[in-house]
């Protein structure tokens, strides 16, 4: 705890909430914001789409090499 308080003291830009800073550095998780969960879901979906497009790209490149 002392080390985290020293880190907070030495922080050049003080955070808006010292309590959130302490929770973050001590490993306690803050309650999830629904917007954050929606963004995580969107990121997961985007990664899946990216993987599918990447796979399709590889298949198309091999078709082009054949012709």
PDB file of N, CA and C in Angstrom:
ATOM      1  N   UNK A   1       0.833  -1.198   0.000  1.00  0.00           N
ATOM      2  CA  UNK A   1       0.000   0.000   0.000  1.00  0.00           C
ATOM      3  C   UNK A   1       0.868   1.247   0.000  1.00  0.00           C
ATOM      4  N   UNK A   2       1.928   1.211   0.795  1.00  0.00           N
ATOM      5  CA  UNK A   2       2.806   2.373   0.881  1.00  0.00           C
ATOM      6  C   UNK A   2       3.424   2.682  -0.484  1.00  0.00           C
ATOM      7  N   UNK A   3       3.873   1.655  -1.197  1.00  0.00           N
ATOM      8  CA  UNK A   3       4.492   1.862  -2.504  1.00  0.00           C
ATOM      9  C   UNK A   3       3.502   2.482  -3.489  1.00  0.00           C
ATOM     10  N   UNK A   4       2.242   2.065  -3.425  1.00  0.00           N
ATOM     11  CA  UNK A   4       1.230   2.619  -4.331  1.00  0.00           C
ATOM     12  C   UNK A   4       0.960   4.082  -3.983  1.00  0.00           C
ATOM     13  N   UNK A   5       0.933   4.393  -2.703  1.00  0.00           N
ATOM     14  CA  UNK A   5       0.730   5.787  -2.287  1.00  0.00           C
ATOM     15  C   UNK A   5       1.895   6.662  -2.736  1.00  0.00           C
ATOM     16  N   UNK A   6       3.098   6.133  -2.670  1.00  0.00           N
ATOM     17  CA  UNK A   6       4.269   6.885  -3.145  1.00  0.00           C
ATOM     18  C   UNK A   6       4.163   7.092  -4.652  1.00  0.00           C
ATOM     19  N   UNK A   7       3.728   6.059  -5.368  1.00  0.00           N
ATOM     20  CA  UNK A   7       3.547   6.180  -6.813  1.00  0.00           C
ATOM     21  C   UNK A   7       2.516   7.257  -7.140  1.00  0.00           C
ATOM     22  N   UNK A   8       1.443   7.288  -6.387  1.00  0.00           N
ATOM     23  CA  UNK A   8       0.413   8.316  -6.583  1.00  0.00           C
ATOM     24  C   UNK A   8       0.983   9.701  -6.312  1.00  0.00           C
ATOM     25  N   UNK A   9       1.775   9.819  -5.282  1.00  0.00           N
ATOM     26  CA  UNK A   9       2.385  11.105  -4.931  1.00  0.00           C
ATOM     27  C   UNK A   9       3.333  11.572  -6.026  1.00  0.00           C
ATOM     28  N   UNK A  10       4.080  10.642  -6.619  1.00  0.00           N
ATOM     29  CA  UNK A  10       5.073  10.993  -7.630  1.00  0.00           C
ATOM     30  C   UNK A  10       4.487  11.123  -9.025  1.00  0.00           C
ATOM     31  N   UNK A  11       3.218  10.793  -9.185  1.00  0.00           N
ATOM     32  CA  UNK A  11       2.558  10.879 -10.488  1.00  0.00           C
ATOM     33  C   UNK A  11       2.526  12.332 -10.957  1.00  0.00           C
ATOM     34  N   UNK A  12       3.081  12.625 -12.164  1.00  0.00           N
ATOM     35  CA  UNK A  12       3.107  14.021 -12.636  1.00  0.00           C
ATOM     36  C   UNK A  12       1.706  14.578 -12.904  1.00  0.00           C
ATOM     37  N   UNK A  13       0.839  13.760 -13.496  1.00  0.00           N
ATOM     38  CA  UNK A  13      -0.537  14.184 -13.728  1.00  0.00           C
ATOM     39  C   UNK A  13      -1.421  13.416 -12.759  1.00  0.00           C
ATOM     40  N   UNK A  14      -1.939  14.103 -11.806  1.00  0.00           N
ATOM     41  CA  UNK A  14      -2.754  13.457 -10.774  1.00  0.00           C
ATOM     42  C   UNK A  14      -4.057  12.943 -11.376  1.00  0.00           C
ATOM     43  N   UNK A  15      -4.451  11.730 -11.027  1.00  0.00           N
ATOM     44  CA  UNK A  15      -5.712  11.185 -11.546  1.00  0.00           C
ATOM     45  C   UNK A  15      -6.910  11.905 -10.936  1.00  0.00           C
ATOM     46  N   UNK A  16      -8.046  11.776 -11.612  1.00  0.00           N
ATOM     47  CA  UNK A  16      -9.273  12.403 -11.113  1.00  0.00           C
ATOM     48  C   UNK A  16      -9.720  11.776  -9.802  1.00  0.00           C
ATOM     49  N   UNK A  17      -9.520  10.472  -9.690  1.00  0.00           N
ATOM     50  CA  UNK A  17      -9.957   9.774  -8.497  1.00  0.00           C
ATOM     51  C   UNK A  17      -8.787   8.990  -7.903  1.00  0.00           C
ATOM     52  N   UNK A  18      -8.356   9.399  -6.732  1.00  0.00           N
ATOM     53  CA  UNK A  18      -7.261   8.696  -6.062  1.00  0.00           C
ATOM     54  C   UNK A  18      -7.682   7.282  -5.687  1.00  0.00           C
ATOM     55  N   UNK A  19      -8.945   7.114  -5.350  1.00  0.00           N
ATOM     56  CA  UNK A  19      -9.438   5.800  -4.971  1.00  0.00           C
ATOM     57  C   UNK A  19      -9.370   4.827  -6.149  1.00  0.00           C
ATOM     58  N   UNK A  20      -9.768   5.282  -7.339  1.00  0.00           N
ATOM     59  CA  UNK A  20      -9.682   4.440  -8.531  1.00  0.00           C
ATOM     60  C   UNK A  20      -8.225   4.115  -8.853  1.00  0.00           C
ATOM     61  N   UNK A  21      -7.339   5.074  -8.664  1.00  0.00           N
ATOM     62  CA  UNK A  21      -5.912   4.853  -8.881  1.00  0.00           C
ATOM     63  C   UNK A  21      -5.414   3.746  -7.955  1.00  0.00           C
ATOM     64  N   UNK A  22      -5.788   3.813  -6.686  1.00  0.00           N
ATOM     65  CA  UNK A  22      -5.367   2.802  -5.722  1.00  0.00           C
ATOM     66  C   UNK A  22      -5.941   1.429  -6.077  1.00  0.00           C
ATOM     67  N   UNK A  23      -7.222   1.397  -6.438  1.00  0.00           N
ATOM     68  CA  UNK A  23      -7.846   0.130  -6.812  1.00  0.00           C
ATOM     69  C   UNK A  23      -7.138  -0.494  -8.009  1.00  0.00           C
ATOM     70  N   UNK A  24      -6.829   0.340  -8.992  1.00  0.00           N
ATOM     71  CA  UNK A  24      -6.173  -0.150 -10.204  1.00  0.00           C
ATOM     72  C   UNK A  24      -4.798  -0.733  -9.882  1.00  0.00           C
ATOM     73  N   UNK A  25      -4.030  -0.037  -9.072  1.00  0.00           N
ATOM     74  CA  UNK A  25      -2.670  -0.483  -8.770  1.00  0.00           C
ATOM     75  C   UNK A  25      -2.620  -1.614  -7.745  1.00  0.00           C
ATOM     76  N   UNK A  26      -3.676  -1.791  -6.999  1.00  0.00           N
ATOM     77  CA  UNK A  26      -3.714  -2.887  -6.038  1.00  0.00           C
ATOM     78  C   UNK A  26      -4.399  -4.121  -6.609  1.00  0.00           C
ATOM     79  N   UNK A  27      -4.923  -4.005  -7.823  1.00  0.00           N
ATOM     80  CA  UNK A  27      -5.507  -5.156  -8.490  1.00  0.00           C
ATOM     81  C   UNK A  27      -6.989  -5.340  -8.237  1.00  0.00           C
ATOM     82  N   UNK A  28      -7.608  -4.462  -7.494  1.00  0.00           N
ATOM     83  CA  UNK A  28      -9.054  -4.574  -7.277  1.00  0.00           C
ATOM     84  C   UNK A  28      -9.751  -4.080  -8.537  1.00  0.00           C
ATOM     85  N   UNK A  29     -10.733  -4.818  -8.977  1.00  0.00           N
ATOM     86  CA  UNK A  29     -11.428  -4.414 -10.191  1.00  0.00           C
ATOM     87  C   UNK A  29     -12.597  -3.514  -9.851  1.00  0.00           C
ATOM     88  N   UNK A  30     -12.751  -2.505 -10.662  1.00  0.00           N
ATOM     89  CA  UNK A  30     -13.865  -1.578 -10.498  1.00  0.00           C
ATOM     90  C   UNK A  30     -15.112  -2.218 -11.113  1.00  0.00           C
ATOM     91  N   UNK A  31     -16.287  -1.794 -10.710  1.00  0.00           N
ATOM     92  CA  UNK A  31     -17.502  -2.338 -11.325  1.00  0.00           C
ATOM     93  C   UNK A  31     -17.515  -2.055 -12.825  1.00  0.00           C
ATOM     94  N   UNK A  32     -17.961  -3.026 -13.584  1.00  0.00           N
ATOM     95  CA  UNK A  32     -17.956  -2.917 -15.035  1.00  0.00           C
ATOM     96  C   UNK A  32     -19.017  -1.925 -15.513  1.00  0.00           C
ATOM     97  N   UNK A  33     -18.611  -1.119 -16.420  1.00  0.00           N
ATOM     98  CA  UNK A  33     -19.499  -0.175 -17.075  1.00  0.00           C
ATOM     99  C   UNK A  33     -20.132  -0.899 -18.262  1.00  0.00           C
ATOM    100  N   UNK A  34     -21.440  -0.791 -18.464  1.00  0.00           N
ATOM    101  CA  UNK A  34     -22.075  -1.476 -19.595  1.00  0.00           C
ATOM    102  C   UNK A  34     -21.486  -1.058 -20.946  1.00  0.00           C
ATOM    103  N   UNK A  35     -21.070   0.186 -21.037  1.00  0.00           N
ATOM    104  CA  UNK A  35     -20.475   0.667 -22.286  1.00  0.00           C
ATOM    105  C   UNK A  35     -19.152  -0.046 -22.561  1.00  0.00           C
ATOM    106  N   UNK A  36     -18.378  -0.303 -21.524  1.00  0.00           N
ATOM    107  CA  UNK A  36     -17.107  -1.009 -21.674  1.00  0.00           C
ATOM    108  C   UNK A  36     -17.365  -2.435 -22.156  1.00  0.00           C
ATOM    109  N   UNK A  37     -18.364  -3.080 -21.579  1.00  0.00           N
ATOM    110  CA  UNK A  37     -18.689  -4.444 -21.994  1.00  0.00           C
ATOM    111  C   UNK A  37     -19.141  -4.469 -23.451  1.00  0.00           C
ATOM    112  N   UNK A  38     -19.902  -3.471 -23.877  1.00  0.00           N
ATOM    113  CA  UNK A  38     -20.345  -3.401 -25.274  1.00  0.00           C
ATOM    114  C   UNK A  38     -19.144  -3.217 -26.199  1.00  0.00           C
ATOM    115  N   UNK A  39     -18.182  -2.405 -25.785  1.00  0.00           N
ATOM    116  CA  UNK A  39     -16.982  -2.200 -26.592  1.00  0.00           C
ATOM    117  C   UNK A  39     -16.142  -3.478 -26.670  1.00  0.00           C
ATOM    118  N   UNK A  40     -16.057  -4.207 -25.572  1.00  0.00           N
ATOM    119  CA  UNK A  40     -15.320  -5.479 -25.588  1.00  0.00           C
ATOM    120  C   UNK A  40     -15.970  -6.460 -26.559  1.00  0.00           C
ATOM    121  N   UNK A  41     -17.285  -6.503 -26.555  1.00  0.00           N
ATOM    122  CA  UNK A  41     -18.004  -7.376 -27.473  1.00  0.00           C
ATOM    123  C   UNK A  41     -17.753  -6.962 -28.917  1.00  0.00           C
ATOM    124  N   UNK A  42     -17.777  -5.662 -29.161  1.00  0.00           N
ATOM    125  CA  UNK A  42     -17.528  -5.157 -30.506  1.00  0.00           C
ATOM    126  C   UNK A  42     -16.115  -5.510 -30.964  1.00  0.00           C
ATOM    127  N   UNK A  43     -15.149  -5.406 -30.078  1.00  0.00           N
ATOM    128  CA  UNK A  43     -13.772  -5.756 -30.418  1.00  0.00           C
ATOM    129  C   UNK A  43     -13.667  -7.240 -30.757  1.00  0.00           C
ATOM    130  N   UNK A  44     -14.321  -8.078 -29.974  1.00  0.00           N
ATOM    131  CA  UNK A  44     -14.287  -9.522 -30.232  1.00  0.00           C
ATOM    132  C   UNK A  44     -14.908  -9.843 -31.591  1.00  0.00           C
ATOM    133  N   UNK A  45     -16.031  -9.214 -31.899  1.00  0.00           N
ATOM    134  CA  UNK A  45     -16.684  -9.442 -33.187  1.00  0.00           C
ATOM    135  C   UNK A  45     -15.807  -8.954 -34.344  1.00  0.00           C
ATOM    136  N   UNK A  46     -15.164  -7.827 -34.150  1.00  0.00           N
ATOM    137  CA  UNK A  46     -14.293  -7.281 -35.188  1.00  0.00           C
ATOM    138  C   UNK A  46     -13.095  -8.198 -35.424  1.00  0.00           C
ATOM    139  N   UNK A  47     -12.565  -8.765 -34.362  1.00  0.00           N
ATOM    140  CA  UNK A  47     -11.440  -9.701 -34.509  1.00  0.00           C
ATOM    141  C   UNK A  47     -11.873 -10.932 -35.298  1.00  0.00           C
ATOM    142  N   UNK A  48     -13.075 -11.435 -35.023  1.00  0.00           N
ATOM    143  CA  UNK A  48     -13.583 -12.590 -35.762  1.00  0.00           C
ATOM    144  C   UNK A  48     -13.738 -12.266 -37.244  1.00  0.00           C
ATOM    145  N   UNK A  49     -14.298 -11.096 -37.536  1.00  0.00           N
ATOM    146  CA  UNK A  49     -14.462 -10.684 -38.931  1.00  0.00           C
ATOM    147  C   UNK A  49     -13.110 -10.539 -39.612  1.00  0.00           C
ATOM    148  N   UNK A  50     -12.147  -9.980 -38.900  1.00  0.00           N
ATOM    149  CA  UNK A  50     -10.806  -9.800 -39.446  1.00  0.00           C
ATOM    150  C   UNK A  50     -10.191 -11.156 -39.798  1.00  0.00           C
ATOM    151  N   UNK A  51     -10.310 -12.115 -38.891  1.00  0.00           N
ATOM    152  CA  UNK A  51      -9.756 -13.444 -39.138  1.00  0.00           C
ATOM    153  C   UNK A  51     -10.413 -14.077 -40.369  1.00  0.00           C
ATOM    154  N   UNK A  52     -11.727 -13.909 -40.515  1.00  0.00           N
ATOM    155  CA  UNK A  52     -12.438 -14.473 -41.666  1.00  0.00           C
ATOM    156  C   UNK A  52     -11.968 -13.822 -42.967  1.00  0.00           C
ATOM    157  N   UNK A  53     -11.802 -12.515 -42.948  1.00  0.00           N
ATOM    158  CA  UNK A  53     -11.343 -11.800 -44.145  1.00  0.00           C
ATOM    159  C   UNK A  53      -9.907 -12.188 -44.471  1.00  0.00           C
ATOM    160  N   UNK A  54      -9.083 -12.339 -43.466  1.00  0.00           N
ATOM    161  CA  UNK A  54      -7.702 -12.741 -43.667  1.00  0.00           C
ATOM    162  C   UNK A  54      -7.633 -14.137 -44.298  1.00  0.00           C
ATOM    163  N   UNK A  55      -8.466 -15.041 -43.804  1.00  0.00           N
ATOM    164  CA  UNK A  55      -8.531 -16.396 -44.359  1.00  0.00           C
ATOM    165  C   UNK A  55      -8.978 -16.362 -45.813  1.00  0.00           C
ATOM    166  N   UNK A  56     -10.003 -15.566 -46.089  1.00  0.00           N
ATOM    167  CA  UNK A  56     -10.504 -15.443 -47.456  1.00  0.00           C
ATOM    168  C   UNK A  56      -9.437 -14.853 -48.367  1.00  0.00           C
ATOM    169  N   UNK A  57      -8.693 -13.904 -47.875  1.00  0.00           N
ATOM    170  CA  UNK A  57      -7.624 -13.277 -48.640  1.00  0.00           C
ATOM    171  C   UNK A  57      -6.569 -14.310 -49.031  1.00  0.00           C
ATOM    172  N   UNK A  58      -6.204 -15.156 -48.100  1.00  0.00           N
ATOM    173  CA  UNK A  58      -5.207 -16.190 -48.379  1.00  0.00           C
ATOM    174  C   UNK A  58      -5.721 -17.150 -49.447  1.00  0.00           C
ATOM    175  N   UNK A  59      -6.986 -17.550 -49.336  1.00  0.00           N
ATOM    176  CA  UNK A  59      -7.573 -18.454 -50.330  1.00  0.00           C
ATOM    177  C   UNK A  59      -7.586 -17.807 -51.713  1.00  0.00           C
ATOM    178  N   UNK A  60      -7.956 -16.533 -51.778  1.00  0.00           N
ATOM    179  CA  UNK A  60      -8.003 -15.843 -53.066  1.00  0.00           C
ATOM    180  C   UNK A  60      -6.610 -15.680 -53.666  1.00  0.00           C
ATOM    181  N   UNK A  61      -5.629 -15.443 -52.828  1.00  0.00           N
ATOM    182  CA  UNK A  61      -4.251 -15.327 -53.335  1.00  0.00           C
ATOM    183  C   UNK A  61      -3.783 -16.642 -53.927  1.00  0.00           C
ATOM    184  N   UNK A  62      -4.141 -17.749 -53.310  1.00  0.00           N
ATOM    185  CA  UNK A  62      -3.735 -19.039 -53.871  1.00  0.00           C
ATOM    186  C   UNK A  62      -4.459 -19.317 -55.186  1.00  0.00           C
ATOM    187  N   UNK A  63      -5.725 -18.891 -55.307  1.00  0.00           N
ATOM    188  CA  UNK A  63      -6.450 -19.054 -56.570  1.00  0.00           C
ATOM    189  C   UNK A  63      -5.795 -18.232 -57.673  1.00  0.00           C
ATOM    190  N   UNK A  64      -5.370 -17.029 -57.339  1.00  0.00           N
ATOM    191  CA  UNK A  64      -4.742 -16.157 -58.330  1.00  0.00           C
ATOM    192  C   UNK A  64      -3.421 -16.770 -58.799  1.00  0.00           C
ATOM    193  N   UNK A  65      -2.677 -17.377 -57.893  1.00  0.00           N
ATOM    194  CA  UNK A  65      -1.401 -18.000 -58.264  1.00  0.00           C
ATOM    195  C   UNK A  65      -1.630 -19.180 -59.220  1.00  0.00           C
ATOM    196  N   UNK A  66      -2.737 -19.889 -59.045  1.00  0.00           N
ATOM    197  CA  UNK A  66      -3.036 -21.049 -59.885  1.00  0.00           C
ATOM    198  C   UNK A  66      -3.325 -20.599 -61.320  1.00  0.00           C
ATOM    199  N   UNK A  67      -4.037 -19.504 -61.469  1.00  0.00           N
ATOM    200  CA  UNK A  67      -4.405 -19.014 -62.793  1.00  0.00           C
ATOM    201  C   UNK A  67      -3.262 -18.219 -63.331  1.00  0.00           C
TER     202      UNK A  67
END
